[in-house]
Amino acid sequence: MGAVFLAVALTGFMGTYFVPMARGSFDAPAIVHVHGVLVFGWLLLFIAQAWRVRQRHMVRHRQWGWFGAAMCVAIMASGVGVGLFATHRDLAAGGGDFALGQFVNILIEMLLFGGLVAAAVVLRRDGESHKRLLLLATISALAPAWMRFRHLLPGVPHPFVTFSIMADSLLVVAIARDWIAMRRVHPVYLWAGGAMVVVHAIELLAITSAPWLRLSRWLLGVDAPVAD
């Protein structure tokens, strides 16, 4: 799963970040680069930590786990910074209500990621729950990469909805693995995974709703019309 996560992130950001960076045509504040380094660092750490468990290097795994917890906090903070930049940029480009409402979604996503990681830390002595919570946190963090697949597949209808569903479909893969291997589904996938899907569904439905737009206007301190 870690390899799949990394492949999704590399593919999603190839056309909007890596290629423009190589051409010298990417222009964004430093916080965007910091956030990118942190997220890709998280993905590499996820793979490394899984390998350490497989090799029974548990002391190193625990030591690096605390580094991962600190990285989570940094990802959340930098993610808010990127959200501020992207929202102001998109509003200036005429993005309207969708651009405005996305800021609330970004904040929710950062809280969701942090909450799942925090739960994993609390349950770190329960290895089965711990690893599944971290897997869910990483699935949730990959939503921006999935959204960029719309540039690779411009013919996909309703890309915001379609790629959101594809992002959460990795949970189905994880559930299938549990069922095949154990003939049951771990409770974490049911309550935490289910909650993640519900949150994402609410974001899809509410992104241009009046409450979302009012909250976003208040947080951003901007004047923008709110749709009735």
Protein backbone atom coordinates (compact mmCIF):
# COMPACT_ATOMS: atom_id res chain seq x y z
CA MET A 1 0.00 0.00 0.00
CA GLY A 2 2.88 2.34 0.71
CA ALA A 3 4.22 1.82 -2.80
CA VAL A 4 0.75 2.52 -4.23
CA PHE A 5 0.50 5.72 -2.17
CA LEU A 6 3.86 6.93 -3.47
CA ALA A 7 2.92 6.11 -7.07
CA VAL A 8 -0.35 8.04 -6.75
CA ALA A 9 1.44 11.09 -5.33
CA LEU A 10 4.18 11.05 -7.98
CA THR A 11 1.68 10.60 -10.82
CA GLY A 12 -0.75 13.20 -9.53
CA PHE A 13 1.84 15.92 -9.00
CA MET A 14 3.98 15.12 -12.02
CA GLY A 15 2.26 17.53 -14.40
CA THR A 16 1.45 20.31 -11.94
CA TYR A 17 4.60 20.35 -9.83
CA PHE A 18 7.56 18.20 -10.86
CA VAL A 19 7.56 18.95 -14.60
CA PRO A 20 6.98 22.71 -14.14
CA MET A 21 9.72 22.73 -11.49
CA ALA A 22 12.13 21.04 -13.91
CA ARG A 23 11.25 23.60 -16.59
CA GLY A 24 11.63 26.51 -14.20
CA SER A 25 8.04 27.60 -14.78
CA PHE A 26 6.59 26.79 -11.34
CA ASP A 27 5.98 29.87 -9.23
CA ALA A 28 4.71 29.51 -5.67
CA PRO A 29 5.70 30.62 -2.16
CA ALA A 30 8.16 28.61 -0.09
CA ILE A 31 5.38 27.08 2.02
CA VAL A 32 4.23 25.06 -1.00
CA HIS A 33 7.67 23.47 -1.38
CA VAL A 34 7.95 22.87 2.36
CA HIS A 35 4.58 21.14 2.42
CA GLY A 36 5.51 19.03 -0.60
CA VAL A 37 8.75 17.88 1.00
CA LEU A 38 6.92 17.02 4.22
CA VAL A 39 4.17 15.02 2.52
CA PHE A 40 6.58 13.04 0.34
CA GLY A 41 8.73 12.55 3.42
CA TRP A 42 5.69 11.14 5.17
CA LEU A 43 5.11 8.67 2.34
CA LEU A 44 8.72 7.50 2.42
CA LEU A 45 8.59 7.21 6.20
CA PHE A 46 5.38 5.17 5.92
CA ILE A 47 7.15 2.70 3.64
CA ALA A 48 10.28 2.63 5.82
CA GLN A 49 8.29 2.04 8.99
CA ALA A 50 6.38 -0.84 7.42
CA TRP A 51 9.71 -2.35 6.35
CA ARG A 52 11.13 -1.97 9.87
CA VAL A 53 8.20 -3.87 11.34
CA ARG A 54 8.56 -6.57 8.71
CA GLN A 55 12.26 -6.89 9.64
CA ARG A 56 11.42 -6.81 13.38
CA HIS A 57 13.42 -3.62 13.92
CA MET A 58 10.93 -2.45 16.54
CA VAL A 59 13.21 -0.15 18.53
CA ARG A 60 14.03 1.89 15.43
CA HIS A 61 10.38 1.78 14.43
CA ARG A 62 9.32 3.34 17.74
CA GLN A 63 12.07 5.95 17.63
CA TRP A 64 11.16 7.05 14.12
CA GLY A 65 7.49 6.95 15.05
CA TRP A 66 7.92 10.02 17.23
CA PHE A 67 9.61 11.75 14.31
CA GLY A 68 6.54 10.87 12.26
CA ALA A 69 4.27 12.42 14.90
CA ALA A 70 6.24 15.67 14.69
CA MET A 71 6.09 15.50 10.90
CA CYS A 72 2.30 15.19 11.12
CA VAL A 73 2.10 18.48 13.04
CA ALA A 74 4.32 20.16 10.45
CA ILE A 75 2.20 18.79 7.59
CA MET A 76 -0.95 20.17 9.22
CA ALA A 77 0.56 23.62 9.76
CA SER A 78 2.07 23.85 6.28
CA GLY A 79 -1.14 22.46 4.77
CA VAL A 80 -3.09 25.38 6.19
CA GLY A 81 -0.50 27.73 4.72
CA VAL A 82 -0.84 26.11 1.30
CA GLY A 83 -4.61 26.31 1.64
CA LEU A 84 -4.45 30.03 2.29
CA PHE A 85 -2.25 30.57 -0.74
CA ALA A 86 -4.34 28.36 -3.05
CA THR A 87 -7.64 29.87 -1.94
CA HIS A 88 -6.50 33.48 -2.44
CA ARG A 89 -4.97 32.51 -5.79
CA ASP A 90 -8.13 30.78 -6.99
CA LEU A 91 -10.37 33.60 -5.79
CA ALA A 92 -8.24 36.10 -7.70
CA ALA A 93 -8.57 33.90 -10.79
CA GLY A 94 -12.36 33.98 -10.55
CA GLY A 95 -12.89 30.64 -8.81
CA GLY A 96 -15.96 31.95 -6.99
CA ASP A 97 -17.83 29.95 -4.37
CA PHE A 98 -15.98 26.70 -5.06
CA ALA A 99 -12.62 28.36 -4.46
CA LEU A 100 -13.95 29.99 -1.30
CA GLY A 101 -15.50 26.85 0.14
CA GLN A 102 -12.42 24.75 -0.49
CA PHE A 103 -10.60 26.48 2.37
CA VAL A 104 -12.98 24.96 4.94
CA ASN A 105 -12.46 21.57 3.32
CA ILE A 106 -8.70 22.00 3.56
CA LEU A 107 -8.93 22.77 7.27
CA ILE A 108 -11.16 19.74 7.82
CA GLU A 109 -8.73 17.53 5.91
CA MET A 110 -5.82 18.70 8.05
CA LEU A 111 -7.81 18.02 11.22
CA LEU A 112 -8.85 14.61 9.91
CA PHE A 113 -5.26 13.67 9.08
CA GLY A 114 -4.05 14.87 12.46
CA GLY A 115 -6.86 13.12 14.29
CA LEU A 116 -6.13 9.78 12.65
CA VAL A 117 -2.41 10.08 13.37
CA ALA A 118 -3.14 11.12 16.98
CA ALA A 119 -5.37 8.06 17.39
CA ALA A 120 -2.57 5.90 16.00
CA VAL A 121 -0.15 7.35 18.55
CA VAL A 122 -2.58 6.74 21.41
CA LEU A 123 -3.10 3.14 20.22
CA ARG A 124 0.57 2.52 19.38
CA ARG A 125 0.70 -0.54 21.68
CA ASP A 126 -2.15 -2.07 19.70
CA GLY A 127 -0.23 -2.80 16.52
CA GLU A 128 -3.24 -3.94 14.48
CA SER A 129 -5.17 -0.73 15.15
CA HIS A 130 -2.07 1.47 14.98
CA LYS A 131 -1.03 0.48 11.47
CA ARG A 132 -4.57 0.72 10.11
CA LEU A 133 -5.08 4.21 11.52
CA LEU A 134 -1.86 5.36 9.87
CA LEU A 135 -2.94 3.78 6.61
CA LEU A 136 -6.25 5.67 6.80
CA ALA A 137 -4.44 8.92 7.59
CA THR A 138 -2.28 8.47 4.51
CA ILE A 139 -5.26 7.64 2.30
CA SER A 140 -6.88 10.88 3.46
CA ALA A 141 -3.71 12.91 2.89
CA LEU A 142 -3.52 11.77 -0.74
CA ALA A 143 -6.74 13.53 -1.79
CA PRO A 144 -4.88 16.50 -3.38
CA ALA A 145 -2.81 14.10 -5.51
CA TRP A 146 -5.96 12.34 -6.70
CA MET A 147 -7.56 15.69 -7.57
CA ARG A 148 -4.69 16.41 -9.95
CA PHE A 149 -5.51 13.32 -11.97
CA ARG A 150 -8.12 15.54 -13.64
CA HIS A 151 -5.28 17.13 -15.61
CA LEU A 152 -4.19 13.70 -16.85
CA LEU A 153 -7.75 12.57 -17.56
CA PRO A 154 -9.60 15.72 -18.63
CA GLY A 155 -12.52 13.76 -20.07
CA VAL A 156 -13.60 12.33 -16.70
CA PRO A 157 -17.03 13.75 -15.78
CA HIS A 158 -17.48 15.52 -12.44
CA PRO A 159 -13.78 15.17 -11.57
CA PHE A 160 -14.10 16.50 -8.02
CA VAL A 161 -16.60 13.78 -7.16
CA THR A 162 -15.02 11.04 -9.29
CA PHE A 163 -11.49 11.37 -7.95
CA SER A 164 -12.71 11.80 -4.37
CA ILE A 165 -14.42 8.42 -4.70
CA MET A 166 -11.28 6.93 -6.24
CA ALA A 167 -9.20 8.26 -3.34
CA ASP A 168 -11.44 6.60 -0.76
CA SER A 169 -11.65 3.40 -2.83
CA LEU A 170 -8.23 2.44 -1.42
CA LEU A 171 -10.12 1.74 1.80
CA VAL A 172 -11.99 -0.98 -0.09
CA VAL A 173 -8.64 -2.55 -1.02
CA ALA A 174 -7.56 -2.54 2.62
CA ILE A 175 -10.87 -4.06 3.72
CA ALA A 176 -10.59 -6.74 1.04
CA ARG A 177 -7.11 -7.64 2.27
CA ASP A 178 -8.47 -8.06 5.82
CA TRP A 179 -11.28 -10.27 4.61
CA ILE A 180 -9.02 -12.44 2.46
CA ALA A 181 -6.35 -12.79 5.15
CA MET A 182 -8.49 -13.01 8.29
CA ARG A 183 -12.07 -13.60 7.14
CA ARG A 184 -13.10 -10.49 9.04
CA VAL A 185 -12.73 -6.73 8.82
CA HIS A 186 -10.84 -4.94 11.56
CA PRO A 187 -13.06 -2.53 13.56
CA VAL A 188 -10.75 0.42 12.75
CA TYR A 189 -11.75 0.19 9.09
CA LEU A 190 -15.40 0.18 10.12
CA TRP A 191 -15.52 3.08 12.57
CA ALA A 192 -12.52 5.22 11.58
CA GLY A 193 -12.68 4.38 7.89
CA GLY A 194 -16.43 4.88 7.86
CA ALA A 195 -16.06 8.23 9.60
CA MET A 196 -13.44 9.29 7.04
CA VAL A 197 -15.77 8.48 4.16
CA VAL A 198 -18.64 10.35 5.82
CA VAL A 199 -16.45 13.43 6.33
CA HIS A 200 -15.39 13.37 2.69
CA ALA A 201 -19.01 13.02 1.58
CA ILE A 202 -20.00 16.03 3.68
CA GLU A 203 -17.17 18.03 2.12
CA LEU A 204 -18.38 17.16 -1.37
CA LEU A 205 -21.96 18.16 -0.59
CA ALA A 206 -21.21 21.27 1.45
CA ILE A 207 -18.30 22.94 -0.34
CA THR A 208 -20.48 25.69 -1.87
CA SER A 209 -23.12 25.76 0.87
CA ALA A 210 -23.92 29.00 2.68
CA PRO A 211 -22.48 27.85 6.07
CA TRP A 212 -19.21 26.76 4.42
CA LEU A 213 -18.90 30.05 2.54
CA ARG A 214 -19.70 32.19 5.56
CA LEU A 215 -17.14 30.35 7.66
CA SER A 216 -14.53 30.62 4.94
CA ARG A 217 -15.17 34.35 4.52
CA TRP A 218 -14.79 34.85 8.25
CA LEU A 219 -11.58 32.80 8.44
CA LEU A 220 -10.04 34.49 5.40
CA GLY A 221 -11.33 37.96 6.13
CA VAL A 222 -12.45 38.41 2.53
CA ASP A 223 -15.57 39.94 1.00
CA ALA A 224 -17.23 37.53 -1.38
CA PRO A 225 -20.85 36.93 -2.24
CA VAL A 226 -22.48 33.94 -0.59
CA ALA A 227 -24.78 31.87 -2.76
CA ASP A 228 -28.33 31.47 -1.50
